[in-house]
Amino acid sequence: MPSSVMAVDRPPSTANVMRPMRNLLLAAMLAIIPGFSCAEPPHSVSPKDGFVPTAEVAIRIAVAVWEPIYGAANIERQKPYRAKLTDGVWTVEGSLPPGWLGGVALAEISQSDARILRVSHGR
């Protein structure tokens, strides 16, 4: 070996010894932090028969939706209302007196979450 270049055995530097420990600590923190930072979702009740469990509830919801659209007097004349549950959807309709021609209000309402799926009025 030339005299100007000498191989020297050095002890491992502190940075090289600490790097694996730092990486392990970082990985542990990344694994733990999401559990602390995620807020718990707000409490919510889910009734076993859905938010619209009966025909009476479905009719009350439908009337509340129809009246601002078609007018309370028009909706009142369509009593009695009929509600039928099919595959988790309430179909609510008004009715006309026998012999009358025309259409009636119709609403489709999700039994599980009370979403209004459809609102219509026949002619």
PDB file of N, CA and C in Angstrom:
ATOM      1  N   MET A   1       0.818  -1.171   0.000  1.00  0.00           N
ATOM      2  CA  MET A   1       0.000   0.000   0.000  1.00  0.00           C
ATOM      3  C   MET A   1       0.869   1.243   0.000  1.00  0.00           C
ATOM      4  N   PRO A   2       0.402   2.245  -0.781  1.00  0.00           N
ATOM      5  CA  PRO A   2       1.192   3.470  -0.727  1.00  0.00           C
ATOM      6  C   PRO A   2       1.076   4.085   0.657  1.00  0.00           C
ATOM      7  N   SER A   3       2.069   4.833   1.022  1.00  0.00           N
ATOM      8  CA  SER A   3       2.090   5.401   2.353  1.00  0.00           C
ATOM      9  C   SER A   3       1.038   6.483   2.548  1.00  0.00           C
ATOM     10  N   SER A   4       0.583   7.108   1.461  1.00  0.00           N
ATOM     11  CA  SER A   4      -0.394   8.174   1.602  1.00  0.00           C
ATOM     12  C   SER A   4      -1.809   7.640   1.866  1.00  0.00           C
ATOM     13  N   VAL A   5      -2.058   6.369   1.540  1.00  0.00           N
ATOM     14  CA  VAL A   5      -3.391   5.803   1.755  1.00  0.00           C
ATOM     15  C   VAL A   5      -3.249   4.669   2.753  1.00  0.00           C
ATOM     16  N   MET A   6      -3.927   4.770   3.836  1.00  0.00           N
ATOM     17  CA  MET A   6      -3.859   3.725   4.834  1.00  0.00           C
ATOM     18  C   MET A   6      -5.257   3.278   5.185  1.00  0.00           C
ATOM     19  N   ALA A   7      -5.459   2.009   5.356  1.00  0.00           N
ATOM     20  CA  ALA A   7      -6.736   1.476   5.790  1.00  0.00           C
ATOM     21  C   ALA A   7      -6.789   1.560   7.301  1.00  0.00           C
ATOM     22  N   VAL A   8      -7.863   2.164   7.784  1.00  0.00           N
ATOM     23  CA  VAL A   8      -7.994   2.333   9.226  1.00  0.00           C
ATOM     24  C   VAL A   8      -9.292   1.655   9.645  1.00  0.00           C
ATOM     25  N   ASP A   9      -9.240   0.804  10.613  1.00  0.00           N
ATOM     26  CA  ASP A   9     -10.448   0.216  11.165  1.00  0.00           C
ATOM     27  C   ASP A   9     -11.079   1.212  12.120  1.00  0.00           C
ATOM     28  N   ARG A  10     -12.300   1.610  11.769  1.00  0.00           N
ATOM     29  CA  ARG A  10     -13.002   2.568  12.607  1.00  0.00           C
ATOM     30  C   ARG A  10     -14.163   1.856  13.292  1.00  0.00           C
ATOM     31  N   PRO A  11     -14.472   2.267  14.458  1.00  0.00           N
ATOM     32  CA  PRO A  11     -15.668   1.699  15.087  1.00  0.00           C
ATOM     33  C   PRO A  11     -16.901   2.236  14.358  1.00  0.00           C
ATOM     34  N   PRO A  12     -18.014   1.472  14.330  1.00  0.00           N
ATOM     35  CA  PRO A  12     -19.219   1.961  13.645  1.00  0.00           C
ATOM     36  C   PRO A  12     -19.676   3.283  14.250  1.00  0.00           C
ATOM     37  N   SER A  13     -20.105   4.183  13.364  1.00  0.00           N
ATOM     38  CA  SER A  13     -20.552   5.488  13.851  1.00  0.00           C
ATOM     39  C   SER A  13     -21.895   5.349  14.566  1.00  0.00           C
ATOM     40  N   THR A  14     -22.179   6.302  15.400  1.00  0.00           N
ATOM     41  CA  THR A  14     -23.447   6.301  16.139  1.00  0.00           C
ATOM     42  C   THR A  14     -24.632   6.369  15.182  1.00  0.00           C
ATOM     43  N   ALA A  15     -24.507   7.104  14.077  1.00  0.00           N
ATOM     44  CA  ALA A  15     -25.588   7.238  13.100  1.00  0.00           C
ATOM     45  C   ALA A  15     -25.922   5.887  12.484  1.00  0.00           C
ATOM     46  N   ASN A  16     -24.903   5.087  12.178  1.00  0.00           N
ATOM     47  CA  ASN A  16     -25.157   3.782  11.570  1.00  0.00           C
ATOM     48  C   ASN A  16     -25.771   2.804  12.553  1.00  0.00           C
ATOM     49  N   VAL A  17     -25.468   2.925  13.801  1.00  0.00           N
ATOM     50  CA  VAL A  17     -26.035   2.041  14.819  1.00  0.00           C
ATOM     51  C   VAL A  17     -27.480   2.445  15.109  1.00  0.00           C
ATOM     52  N   MET A  18     -27.762   3.718  15.130  1.00  0.00           N
ATOM     53  CA  MET A  18     -29.084   4.207  15.498  1.00  0.00           C
ATOM     54  C   MET A  18     -30.098   4.129  14.361  1.00  0.00           C
ATOM     55  N   ARG A  19     -29.643   4.076  13.115  1.00  0.00           N
ATOM     56  CA  ARG A  19     -30.560   4.090  11.982  1.00  0.00           C
ATOM     57  C   ARG A  19     -31.587   2.951  12.043  1.00  0.00           C
ATOM     58  N   PRO A  20     -31.202   1.671  12.278  1.00  0.00           N
ATOM     59  CA  PRO A  20     -32.219   0.614  12.366  1.00  0.00           C
ATOM     60  C   PRO A  20     -33.193   0.846  13.512  1.00  0.00           C
ATOM     61  N   MET A  21     -32.725   1.366  14.636  1.00  0.00           N
ATOM     62  CA  MET A  21     -33.619   1.630  15.763  1.00  0.00           C
ATOM     63  C   MET A  21     -34.597   2.757  15.416  1.00  0.00           C
ATOM     64  N   ARG A  22     -34.082   3.789  14.728  1.00  0.00           N
ATOM     65  CA  ARG A  22     -34.942   4.897  14.317  1.00  0.00           C
ATOM     66  C   ARG A  22     -36.023   4.399  13.359  1.00  0.00           C
ATOM     67  N   ASN A  23     -35.654   3.550  12.399  1.00  0.00           N
ATOM     68  CA  ASN A  23     -36.620   3.018  11.435  1.00  0.00           C
ATOM     69  C   ASN A  23     -37.668   2.154  12.130  1.00  0.00           C
ATOM     70  N   LEU A  24     -37.247   1.370  13.104  1.00  0.00           N
ATOM     71  CA  LEU A  24     -38.185   0.534  13.852  1.00  0.00           C
ATOM     72  C   LEU A  24     -39.159   1.401  14.645  1.00  0.00           C
ATOM     73  N   LEU A  25     -38.653   2.445  15.286  1.00  0.00           N
ATOM     74  CA  LEU A  25     -39.505   3.355  16.036  1.00  0.00           C
ATOM     75  C   LEU A  25     -40.493   4.078  15.116  1.00  0.00           C
ATOM     76  N   LEU A  26     -40.031   4.511  13.965  1.00  0.00           N
ATOM     77  CA  LEU A  26     -40.899   5.173  12.997  1.00  0.00           C
ATOM     78  C   LEU A  26     -42.006   4.237  12.517  1.00  0.00           C
ATOM     79  N   ALA A  27     -41.651   2.998  12.209  1.00  0.00           N
ATOM     80  CA  ALA A  27     -42.654   2.021  11.756  1.00  0.00           C
ATOM     81  C   ALA A  27     -43.686   1.762  12.847  1.00  0.00           C
ATOM     82  N   ALA A  28     -43.250   1.658  14.089  1.00  0.00           N
ATOM     83  CA  ALA A  28     -44.182   1.432  15.195  1.00  0.00           C
ATOM     84  C   ALA A  28     -45.126   2.619  15.360  1.00  0.00           C
ATOM     85  N   MET A  29     -44.603   3.831  15.246  1.00  0.00           N
ATOM     86  CA  MET A  29     -45.453   5.019  15.374  1.00  0.00           C
ATOM     87  C   MET A  29     -46.479   5.087  14.255  1.00  0.00           C
ATOM     88  N   LEU A  30     -46.066   4.768  13.046  1.00  0.00           N
ATOM     89  CA  LEU A  30     -47.003   4.798  11.916  1.00  0.00           C
ATOM     90  C   LEU A  30     -48.100   3.754  12.074  1.00  0.00           C
ATOM     91  N   ALA A  31     -47.778   2.653  12.735  1.00  0.00           N
ATOM     92  CA  ALA A  31     -48.783   1.619  12.946  1.00  0.00           C
ATOM     93  C   ALA A  31     -49.757   1.997  14.056  1.00  0.00           C
ATOM     94  N   ILE A  32     -49.299   2.752  15.046  1.00  0.00           N
ATOM     95  CA  ILE A  32     -50.126   3.086  16.201  1.00  0.00           C
ATOM     96  C   ILE A  32     -50.932   4.360  16.004  1.00  0.00           C
ATOM     97  N   ILE A  33     -50.382   5.363  15.369  1.00  0.00           N
ATOM     98  CA  ILE A  33     -51.012   6.684  15.258  1.00  0.00           C
ATOM     99  C   ILE A  33     -52.403   6.651  14.634  1.00  0.00           C
ATOM    100  N   PRO A  34     -52.665   5.883  13.561  1.00  0.00           N
ATOM    101  CA  PRO A  34     -54.024   5.916  12.998  1.00  0.00           C
ATOM    102  C   PRO A  34     -55.102   5.553  14.007  1.00  0.00           C
ATOM    103  N   GLY A  35     -54.799   4.688  14.947  1.00  0.00           N
ATOM    104  CA  GLY A  35     -55.782   4.326  15.959  1.00  0.00           C
ATOM    105  C   GLY A  35     -56.141   5.482  16.860  1.00  0.00           C
ATOM    106  N   PHE A  36     -55.205   6.394  17.088  1.00  0.00           N
ATOM    107  CA  PHE A  36     -55.467   7.554  17.931  1.00  0.00           C
ATOM    108  C   PHE A  36     -56.088   8.701  17.157  1.00  0.00           C
ATOM    109  N   SER A  37     -55.738   8.829  15.901  1.00  0.00           N
ATOM    110  CA  SER A  37     -56.182   9.998  15.145  1.00  0.00           C
ATOM    111  C   SER A  37     -57.556   9.819  14.505  1.00  0.00           C
ATOM    112  N   CYS A  38     -58.018   8.609  14.340  1.00  0.00           N
ATOM    113  CA  CYS A  38     -59.329   8.391  13.716  1.00  0.00           C
ATOM    114  C   CYS A  38     -60.422   8.610  14.746  1.00  0.00           C
ATOM    115  N   ALA A  39     -61.301   9.524  14.449  1.00  0.00           N
ATOM    116  CA  ALA A  39     -62.412   9.785  15.351  1.00  0.00           C
ATOM    117  C   ALA A  39     -63.441   8.669  15.233  1.00  0.00           C
ATOM    118  N   GLU A  40     -64.055   8.347  16.328  1.00  0.00           N
ATOM    119  CA  GLU A  40     -65.098   7.330  16.323  1.00  0.00           C
ATOM    120  C   GLU A  40     -66.313   7.897  15.598  1.00  0.00           C
ATOM    121  N   PRO A  41     -66.942   7.085  14.725  1.00  0.00           N
ATOM    122  CA  PRO A  41     -68.114   7.607  14.016  1.00  0.00           C
ATOM    123  C   PRO A  41     -69.229   7.947  15.002  1.00  0.00           C
ATOM    124  N   PRO A  42     -70.047   8.943  14.669  1.00  0.00           N
ATOM    125  CA  PRO A  42     -71.124   9.321  15.588  1.00  0.00           C
ATOM    126  C   PRO A  42     -72.112   8.175  15.760  1.00  0.00           C
ATOM    127  N   HIS A  43     -72.699   8.110  16.934  1.00  0.00           N
ATOM    128  CA  HIS A  43     -73.671   7.068  17.245  1.00  0.00           C
ATOM    129  C   HIS A  43     -74.911   7.236  16.370  1.00  0.00           C
ATOM    130  N   SER A  44     -75.410   6.137  15.829  1.00  0.00           N
ATOM    131  CA  SER A  44     -76.622   6.179  15.016  1.00  0.00           C
ATOM    132  C   SER A  44     -77.399   4.885  15.207  1.00  0.00           C
ATOM    133  N   VAL A  45     -78.693   5.016  15.390  1.00  0.00           N
ATOM    134  CA  VAL A  45     -79.573   3.862  15.561  1.00  0.00           C
ATOM    135  C   VAL A  45     -80.038   3.386  14.202  1.00  0.00           C
ATOM    136  N   SER A  46     -80.098   2.083  14.011  1.00  0.00           N
ATOM    137  CA  SER A  46     -80.661   1.496  12.791  1.00  0.00           C
ATOM    138  C   SER A  46     -81.780   0.545  13.205  1.00  0.00           C
ATOM    139  N   PRO A  47     -83.026   1.009  13.154  1.00  0.00           N
ATOM    140  CA  PRO A  47     -84.137   0.152  13.577  1.00  0.00           C
ATOM    141  C   PRO A  47     -84.194  -1.134  12.756  1.00  0.00           C
ATOM    142  N   LYS A  48     -84.541  -2.238  13.399  1.00  0.00           N
ATOM    143  CA  LYS A  48     -84.538  -3.529  12.696  1.00  0.00           C
ATOM    144  C   LYS A  48     -85.529  -3.565  11.538  1.00  0.00           C
ATOM    145  N   ASP A  49     -86.612  -2.835  11.624  1.00  0.00           N
ATOM    146  CA  ASP A  49     -87.594  -2.784  10.525  1.00  0.00           C
ATOM    147  C   ASP A  49     -87.410  -1.549   9.657  1.00  0.00           C
ATOM    148  N   GLY A  50     -86.275  -0.877   9.779  1.00  0.00           N
ATOM    149  CA  GLY A  50     -85.997   0.310   8.986  1.00  0.00           C
ATOM    150  C   GLY A  50     -86.629   1.546   9.598  1.00  0.00           C
ATOM    151  N   PHE A  51     -86.340   2.682   8.996  1.00  0.00           N
ATOM    152  CA  PHE A  51     -86.885   3.946   9.479  1.00  0.00           C
ATOM    153  C   PHE A  51     -88.345   4.139   9.063  1.00  0.00           C
ATOM    154  N   VAL A  52     -88.814   3.319   8.136  1.00  0.00           N
ATOM    155  CA  VAL A  52     -90.218   3.388   7.704  1.00  0.00           C
ATOM    156  C   VAL A  52     -90.814   1.985   7.888  1.00  0.00           C
ATOM    157  N   PRO A  53     -91.141   1.625   9.136  1.00  0.00           N
ATOM    158  CA  PRO A  53     -91.539   0.253   9.411  1.00  0.00           C
ATOM    159  C   PRO A  53     -92.976  -0.100   9.027  1.00  0.00           C
ATOM    160  N   THR A  54     -93.853   0.906   8.916  1.00  0.00           N
ATOM    161  CA  THR A  54     -95.270   0.617   8.678  1.00  0.00           C
ATOM    162  C   THR A  54     -95.831   1.463   7.537  1.00  0.00           C
ATOM    163  N   ALA A  55     -96.983   1.017   7.043  1.00  0.00           N
ATOM    164  CA  ALA A  55     -97.686   1.765   5.993  1.00  0.00           C
ATOM    165  C   ALA A  55     -98.076   3.151   6.501  1.00  0.00           C
ATOM    166  N   GLU A  56     -98.469   3.244   7.771  1.00  0.00           N
ATOM    167  CA  GLU A  56     -98.866   4.541   8.343  1.00  0.00           C
ATOM    168  C   GLU A  56     -97.708   5.546   8.284  1.00  0.00           C
ATOM    169  N   VAL A  57     -96.514   5.103   8.626  1.00  0.00           N
ATOM    170  CA  VAL A  57     -95.348   5.984   8.574  1.00  0.00           C
ATOM    171  C   VAL A  57     -95.049   6.378   7.131  1.00  0.00           C
ATOM    172  N   ALA A  58     -95.125   5.414   6.221  1.00  0.00           N
ATOM    173  CA  ALA A  58     -94.868   5.699   4.804  1.00  0.00           C
ATOM    174  C   ALA A  58     -95.855   6.741   4.273  1.00  0.00           C
ATOM    175  N   ILE A  59     -97.119   6.624   4.651  1.00  0.00           N
ATOM    176  CA  ILE A  59     -98.140   7.578   4.204  1.00  0.00           C
ATOM    177  C   ILE A  59     -97.859   8.968   4.766  1.00  0.00           C
ATOM    178  N   ARG A  60     -97.493   9.049   6.037  1.00  0.00           N
ATOM    179  CA  ARG A  60     -97.200  10.359   6.634  1.00  0.00           C
ATOM    180  C   ARG A  60     -96.023  11.035   5.936  1.00  0.00           C
ATOM    181  N   ILE A  61     -95.006  10.259   5.590  1.00  0.00           N
ATOM    182  CA  ILE A  61     -93.854  10.823   4.877  1.00  0.00           C
ATOM    183  C   ILE A  61     -94.278  11.293   3.488  1.00  0.00           C
ATOM    184  N   ALA A  62     -95.042  10.450   2.774  1.00  0.00           N
ATOM    185  CA  ALA A  62     -95.479  10.799   1.419  1.00  0.00           C
ATOM    186  C   ALA A  62     -96.310  12.083   1.420  1.00  0.00           C
ATOM    187  N   VAL A  63     -97.238  12.192   2.337  1.00  0.00           N
ATOM    188  CA  VAL A  63     -98.085  13.394   2.408  1.00  0.00           C
ATOM    189  C   VAL A  63     -97.224  14.628   2.694  1.00  0.00           C
ATOM    190  N   ALA A  64     -96.246  14.498   3.574  1.00  0.00           N
ATOM    191  CA  ALA A  64     -95.357  15.622   3.888  1.00  0.00           C
ATOM    192  C   ALA A  64     -94.551  16.051   2.660  1.00  0.00           C
ATOM    193  N   VAL A  65     -94.250  15.124   1.792  1.00  0.00           N
ATOM    194  CA  VAL A  65     -93.509  15.449   0.562  1.00  0.00           C
ATOM    195  C   VAL A  65     -94.453  16.020  -0.494  1.00  0.00           C
ATOM    196  N   TRP A  66     -95.635  15.432  -0.635  1.00  0.00           N
ATOM    197  CA  TRP A  66     -96.578  15.857  -1.683  1.00  0.00           C
ATOM    198  C   TRP A  66     -97.135  17.257  -1.467  1.00  0.00           C
ATOM    199  N   GLU A  67     -97.529  17.590  -0.235  1.00  0.00           N
ATOM    200  CA  GLU A  67     -98.253  18.838   0.005  1.00  0.00           C
ATOM    201  C   GLU A  67     -97.545  20.089  -0.511  1.00  0.00           C
ATOM    202  N   PRO A  68     -96.244  20.267  -0.276  1.00  0.00           N
ATOM    203  CA  PRO A  68     -95.599  21.465  -0.820  1.00  0.00           C
ATOM    204  C   PRO A  68     -95.517  21.469  -2.347  1.00  0.00           C
ATOM    205  N   ILE A  69     -95.557  20.286  -2.943  1.00  0.00           N
ATOM    206  CA  ILE A  69     -95.422  20.186  -4.398  1.00  0.00           C
ATOM    207  C   ILE A  69     -96.778  20.374  -5.087  1.00  0.00           C
ATOM    208  N   TYR A  70     -97.782  19.638  -4.622  1.00  0.00           N
ATOM    209  CA  TYR A  70     -99.078  19.583  -5.311  1.00  0.00           C
ATOM    210  C   TYR A  70    -100.187  20.355  -4.606  1.00  0.00           C
ATOM    211  N   GLY A  71     -99.900  20.857  -3.415  1.00  0.00           N
ATOM    212  CA  GLY A  71    -100.915  21.605  -2.670  1.00  0.00           C
ATOM    213  C   GLY A  71    -101.658  20.719  -1.686  1.00  0.00           C
ATOM    214  N   ALA A  72    -101.839  21.232  -0.475  1.00  0.00           N
ATOM    215  CA  ALA A  72    -102.489  20.459   0.587  1.00  0.00           C
ATOM    216  C   ALA A  72    -103.933  20.088   0.230  1.00  0.00           C
ATOM    217  N   ALA A  73    -104.672  21.009  -0.393  1.00  0.00           N
ATOM    218  CA  ALA A  73    -106.078  20.726  -0.731  1.00  0.00           C
ATOM    219  C   ALA A  73    -106.172  19.602  -1.755  1.00  0.00           C
ATOM    220  N   ASN A  74    -105.306  19.619  -2.757  1.00  0.00           N
ATOM    221  CA  ASN A  74    -105.294  18.562  -3.774  1.00  0.00           C
ATOM    222  C   ASN A  74    -104.967  17.207  -3.139  1.00  0.00           C
ATOM    223  N   ILE A  75    -103.983  17.162  -2.271  1.00  0.00           N
ATOM    224  CA  ILE A  75    -103.580  15.910  -1.629  1.00  0.00           C
ATOM    225  C   ILE A  75    -104.674  15.428  -0.680  1.00  0.00           C
ATOM    226  N   GLU A  76    -105.322  16.336   0.026  1.00  0.00           N
ATOM    227  CA  GLU A  76    -106.419  15.968   0.934  1.00  0.00           C
ATOM    228  C   GLU A  76    -107.559  15.273   0.178  1.00  0.00           C
ATOM    229  N   ARG A  77    -107.853  15.727  -1.047  1.00  0.00           N
ATOM    230  CA  ARG A  77    -108.933  15.122  -1.848  1.00  0.00           C
ATOM    231  C   ARG A  77    -108.586  13.706  -2.319  1.00  0.00           C
ATOM    232  N   GLN A  78    -107.328  13.303  -2.192  1.00  0.00           N
ATOM    233  CA  GLN A  78    -106.915  11.985  -2.680  1.00  0.00           C
ATOM    234  C   GLN A  78    -106.943  10.912  -1.586  1.00  0.00           C
ATOM    235  N   LYS A  79    -107.574  11.220  -0.453  1.00  0.00           N
ATOM    236  CA  LYS A  79    -107.740  10.214   0.600  1.00  0.00           C
ATOM    237  C   LYS A  79    -108.792   9.213   0.140  1.00  0.00           C
ATOM    238  N   PRO A  80    -108.735   7.997   0.544  1.00  0.00           N
ATOM    239  CA  PRO A  80    -107.712   7.376   1.382  1.00  0.00           C
ATOM    240  C   PRO A  80    -106.438   7.081   0.578  1.00  0.00           C
ATOM    241  N   TYR A  81    -105.331   7.081   1.295  1.00  0.00           N
ATOM    242  CA  TYR A  81    -104.049   6.750   0.667  1.00  0.00           C
ATOM    243  C   TYR A  81    -103.798   5.261   0.845  1.00  0.00           C
ATOM    244  N   ARG A  82    -103.087   4.705  -0.107  1.00  0.00           N
ATOM    245  CA  ARG A  82    -102.728   3.280  -0.045  1.00  0.00           C
ATOM    246  C   ARG A  82    -101.214   3.157  -0.043  1.00  0.00           C
ATOM    247  N   ALA A  83    -100.707   2.233   0.774  1.00  0.00           N
ATOM    248  CA  ALA A  83     -99.265   1.992   0.831  1.00  0.00           C
ATOM    249  C   ALA A  83     -99.021   0.491   0.716  1.00  0.00           C
ATOM    250  N   LYS A  84     -98.056   0.143  -0.121  1.00  0.00           N
ATOM    251  CA  LYS A  84     -97.710  -1.270  -0.327  1.00  0.00           C
ATOM    252  C   LYS A  84     -96.185  -1.400  -0.275  1.00  0.00           C
ATOM    253  N   LEU A  85     -95.710  -2.397   0.481  1.00  0.00           N
ATOM    254  CA  LEU A  85     -94.273  -2.644   0.612  1.00  0.00           C
ATOM    255  C   LEU A  85     -93.856  -3.768  -0.323  1.00  0.00           C
ATOM    256  N   THR A  86     -92.896  -3.479  -1.205  1.00  0.00           N
ATOM    257  CA  THR A  86     -92.358  -4.479  -2.134  1.00  0.00           C
ATOM    258  C   THR A  86     -90.843  -4.348  -2.170  1.00  0.00           C
ATOM    259  N   ASP A  87     -90.148  -5.417  -1.818  1.00  0.00           N
ATOM    260  CA  ASP A  87     -88.677  -5.456  -1.868  1.00  0.00           C
ATOM    261  C   ASP A  87     -88.026  -4.257  -1.177  1.00  0.00           C
ATOM    262  N   GLY A  88     -88.528  -3.903  -0.006  1.00  0.00           N
ATOM    263  CA  GLY A  88     -87.920  -2.828   0.766  1.00  0.00           C
ATOM    264  C   GLY A  88     -88.274  -1.425   0.318  1.00  0.00           C
ATOM    265  N   VAL A  89     -89.247  -1.289  -0.587  1.00  0.00           N
ATOM    266  CA  VAL A  89     -89.670   0.035  -1.059  1.00  0.00           C
ATOM    267  C   VAL A  89     -91.175   0.173  -0.848  1.00  0.00           C
ATOM    268  N   TRP A  90     -91.550   1.233  -0.129  1.00  0.00           N
ATOM    269  CA  TRP A  90     -92.966   1.558   0.048  1.00  0.00           C
ATOM    270  C   TRP A  90     -93.432   2.358  -1.169  1.00  0.00           C
ATOM    271  N   THR A  91     -94.513   1.916  -1.790  1.00  0.00           N
ATOM    272  CA  THR A  91     -95.170   2.683  -2.847  1.00  0.00           C
ATOM    273  C   THR A  91     -96.459   3.223  -2.245  1.00  0.00           C
ATOM    274  N   VAL A  92     -96.561   4.540  -2.188  1.00  0.00           N
ATOM    275  CA  VAL A  92     -97.725   5.191  -1.585  1.00  0.00           C
ATOM    276  C   VAL A  92     -98.448   5.948  -2.684  1.00  0.00           C
ATOM    277  N   GLU A  93     -99.775   5.757  -2.746  1.00  0.00           N
ATOM    278  CA  GLU A  93    -100.594   6.416  -3.774  1.00  0.00           C
ATOM    279  C   GLU A  93    -101.837   7.007  -3.149  1.00  0.00           C
ATOM    280  N   GLY A  94    -102.288   8.098  -3.752  1.00  0.00           N
ATOM    281  CA  GLY A  94    -103.585   8.637  -3.392  1.00  0.00           C
ATOM    282  C   GLY A  94    -104.653   7.832  -4.125  1.00  0.00           C
ATOM    283  N   SER A  95    -105.909   8.208  -3.937  1.00  0.00           N
ATOM    284  CA  SER A  95    -107.004   7.524  -4.648  1.00  0.00           C
ATOM    285  C   SER A  95    -108.025   8.561  -5.098  1.00  0.00           C
ATOM    286  N   LEU A  96    -108.833   8.157  -6.054  1.00  0.00           N
ATOM    287  CA  LEU A  96    -109.916   9.013  -6.560  1.00  0.00           C
ATOM    288  C   LEU A  96    -111.247   8.343  -6.257  1.00  0.00           C
ATOM    289  N   PRO A  97    -112.289   9.145  -6.093  1.00  0.00           N
ATOM    290  CA  PRO A  97    -113.615   8.552  -5.907  1.00  0.00           C
ATOM    291  C   PRO A  97    -113.991   7.697  -7.118  1.00  0.00           C
ATOM    292  N   PRO A  98    -114.802   6.661  -6.938  1.00  0.00           N
ATOM    293  CA  PRO A  98    -115.216   5.808  -8.065  1.00  0.00           C
ATOM    294  C   PRO A  98    -115.831   6.650  -9.187  1.00  0.00           C
ATOM    295  N   GLY A  99    -115.431   6.355 -10.399  1.00  0.00           N
ATOM    296  CA  GLY A  99    -115.960   7.038 -11.566  1.00  0.00           C
ATOM    297  C   GLY A  99    -115.206   8.295 -11.954  1.00  0.00           C
ATOM    298  N   TRP A 100    -114.358   8.792 -11.118  1.00  0.00           N
ATOM    299  CA  TRP A 100    -113.586   9.985 -11.449  1.00  0.00           C
ATOM    300  C   TRP A 100    -112.431   9.612 -12.356  1.00  0.00           C
ATOM    301  N   LEU A 101    -112.083  10.499 -13.256  1.00  0.00           N
ATOM    302  CA  LEU A 101    -110.928  10.309 -14.119  1.00  0.00           C
ATOM    303  C   LEU A 101    -109.826  11.244 -13.668  1.00  0.00           C
ATOM    304  N   GLY A 102    -108.615  10.822 -13.843  1.00  0.00           N
ATOM    305  CA  GLY A 102    -107.476  11.659 -13.471  1.00  0.00           C
ATOM    306  C   GLY A 102    -106.403  10.819 -12.827  1.00  0.00           C
ATOM    307  N   GLY A 103    -105.382  11.494 -12.360  1.00  0.00           N
ATOM    308  CA  GLY A 103    -104.265  10.798 -11.742  1.00  0.00           C
ATOM    309  C   GLY A 103    -104.159  11.130 -10.267  1.00  0.00           C
ATOM    310  N   VAL A 104    -103.306  10.408  -9.622  1.00  0.00           N
ATOM    311  CA  VAL A 104    -103.100  10.599  -8.192  1.00  0.00           C
ATOM    312  C   VAL A 104    -101.611  10.743  -7.899  1.00  0.00           C
ATOM    313  N   ALA A 105    -101.324  11.278  -6.727  1.00  0.00           N
ATOM    314  CA  ALA A 105     -99.943  11.408  -6.288  1.00  0.00           C
ATOM    315  C   ALA A 105     -99.368  10.028  -5.998  1.00  0.00           C
ATOM    316  N   LEU A 106     -98.072   9.903  -6.237  1.00  0.00           N
ATOM    317  CA  LEU A 106     -97.369   8.644  -5.993  1.00  0.00           C
ATOM    318  C   LEU A 106     -96.007   8.974  -5.394  1.00  0.00           C
ATOM    319  N   ALA A 107     -95.592   8.170  -4.433  1.00  0.00           N
ATOM    320  CA  ALA A 107     -94.252   8.316  -3.858  1.00  0.00           C
ATOM    321  C   ALA A 107     -93.685   6.927  -3.603  1.00  0.00           C
ATOM    322  N   GLU A 108     -92.400   6.777  -3.849  1.00  0.00           N
ATOM    323  CA  GLU A 108     -91.689   5.550  -3.499  1.00  0.00           C
ATOM    324  C   GLU A 108     -90.653   5.925  -2.448  1.00  0.00           C
ATOM    325  N   ILE A 109     -90.665   5.188  -1.342  1.00  0.00           N
ATOM    326  CA  ILE A 109     -89.849   5.526  -0.175  1.00  0.00           C
ATOM    327  C   ILE A 109     -89.098   4.281   0.288  1.00  0.00           C
ATOM    328  N   SER A 110     -87.806   4.422   0.524  1.00  0.00           N
ATOM    329  CA  SER A 110     -86.996   3.312   1.015  1.00  0.00           C
ATOM    330  C   SER A 110     -87.384   2.986   2.455  1.00  0.00           C
ATOM    331  N   GLN A 111     -87.679   1.725   2.720  1.00  0.00           N
ATOM    332  CA  GLN A 111     -88.041   1.302   4.064  1.00  0.00           C
ATOM    333  C   GLN A 111     -86.858   1.440   5.019  1.00  0.00           C
ATOM    334  N   SER A 112     -85.665   1.121   4.554  1.00  0.00           N
ATOM    335  CA  SER A 112     -84.507   1.078   5.451  1.00  0.00           C
ATOM    336  C   SER A 112     -84.052   2.451   5.921  1.00  0.00           C
ATOM    337  N   ASP A 113     -84.021   3.446   5.032  1.00  0.00           N
ATOM    338  CA  ASP A 113     -83.465   4.743   5.424  1.00  0.00           C
ATOM    339  C   ASP A 113     -84.360   5.942   5.111  1.00  0.00           C
ATOM    340  N   ALA A 114     -85.577   5.699   4.650  1.00  0.00           N
ATOM    341  CA  ALA A 114     -86.588   6.745   4.393  1.00  0.00           C
ATOM    342  C   ALA A 114     -86.231   7.673   3.236  1.00  0.00           C
ATOM    343  N   ARG A 115     -85.297   7.253   2.379  1.00  0.00           N
ATOM    344  CA  ARG A 115     -85.000   8.085   1.200  1.00  0.00           C
ATOM    345  C   ARG A 115     -86.217   8.138   0.291  1.00  0.00           C
ATOM    346  N   ILE A 116     -86.453   9.288  -0.299  1.00  0.00           N
ATOM    347  CA  ILE A 116     -87.523   9.457  -1.282  1.00  0.00           C
ATOM    348  C   ILE A 116     -86.922   9.043  -2.620  1.00  0.00           C
ATOM    349  N   LEU A 117     -87.397   7.937  -3.176  1.00  0.00           N
ATOM    350  CA  LEU A 117     -86.851   7.400  -4.411  1.00  0.00           C
ATOM    351  C   LEU A 117     -87.541   7.955  -5.641  1.00  0.00           C
ATOM    352  N   ARG A 118     -88.820   8.303  -5.498  1.00  0.00           N
ATOM    353  CA  ARG A 118     -89.588   8.796  -6.640  1.00  0.00           C
ATOM    354  C   ARG A 118     -90.813   9.544  -6.148  1.00  0.00           C
ATOM    355  N   VAL A 119     -91.122  10.641  -6.817  1.00  0.00           N
ATOM    356  CA  VAL A 119     -92.358  11.394  -6.558  1.00  0.00           C
ATOM    357  C   VAL A 119     -92.945  11.700  -7.924  1.00  0.00           C
ATOM    358  N   SER A 120     -94.254  11.442  -8.057  1.00  0.00           N
ATOM    359  CA  SER A 120     -94.914  11.655  -9.336  1.00  0.00           C
ATOM    360  C   SER A 120     -96.395  11.936  -9.083  1.00  0.00           C
ATOM    361  N   HIS A 121     -97.054  12.402 -10.143  1.00  0.00           N
ATOM    362  CA  HIS A 121     -98.511  12.599 -10.076  1.00  0.00           C
ATOM    363  C   HIS A 121     -99.067  12.293 -11.462  1.00  0.00           C
ATOM    364  N   GLY A 122    -100.000  11.365 -11.495  1.00  0.00           N
ATOM    365  CA  GLY A 122    -100.634  11.003 -12.757  1.00  0.00           C
ATOM    366  C   GLY A 122    -101.504  12.137 -13.271  1.00  0.00           C
ATOM    367  N   ARG A 123    -101.981  12.010 -14.522  1.00  0.00           N
ATOM    368  CA  ARG A 123    -102.816  13.044 -15.131  1.00  0.00           C
ATOM    369  C   ARG A 123    -104.220  12.559 -15.347  1.00  0.00           C
TER     370      ARG A 123
END
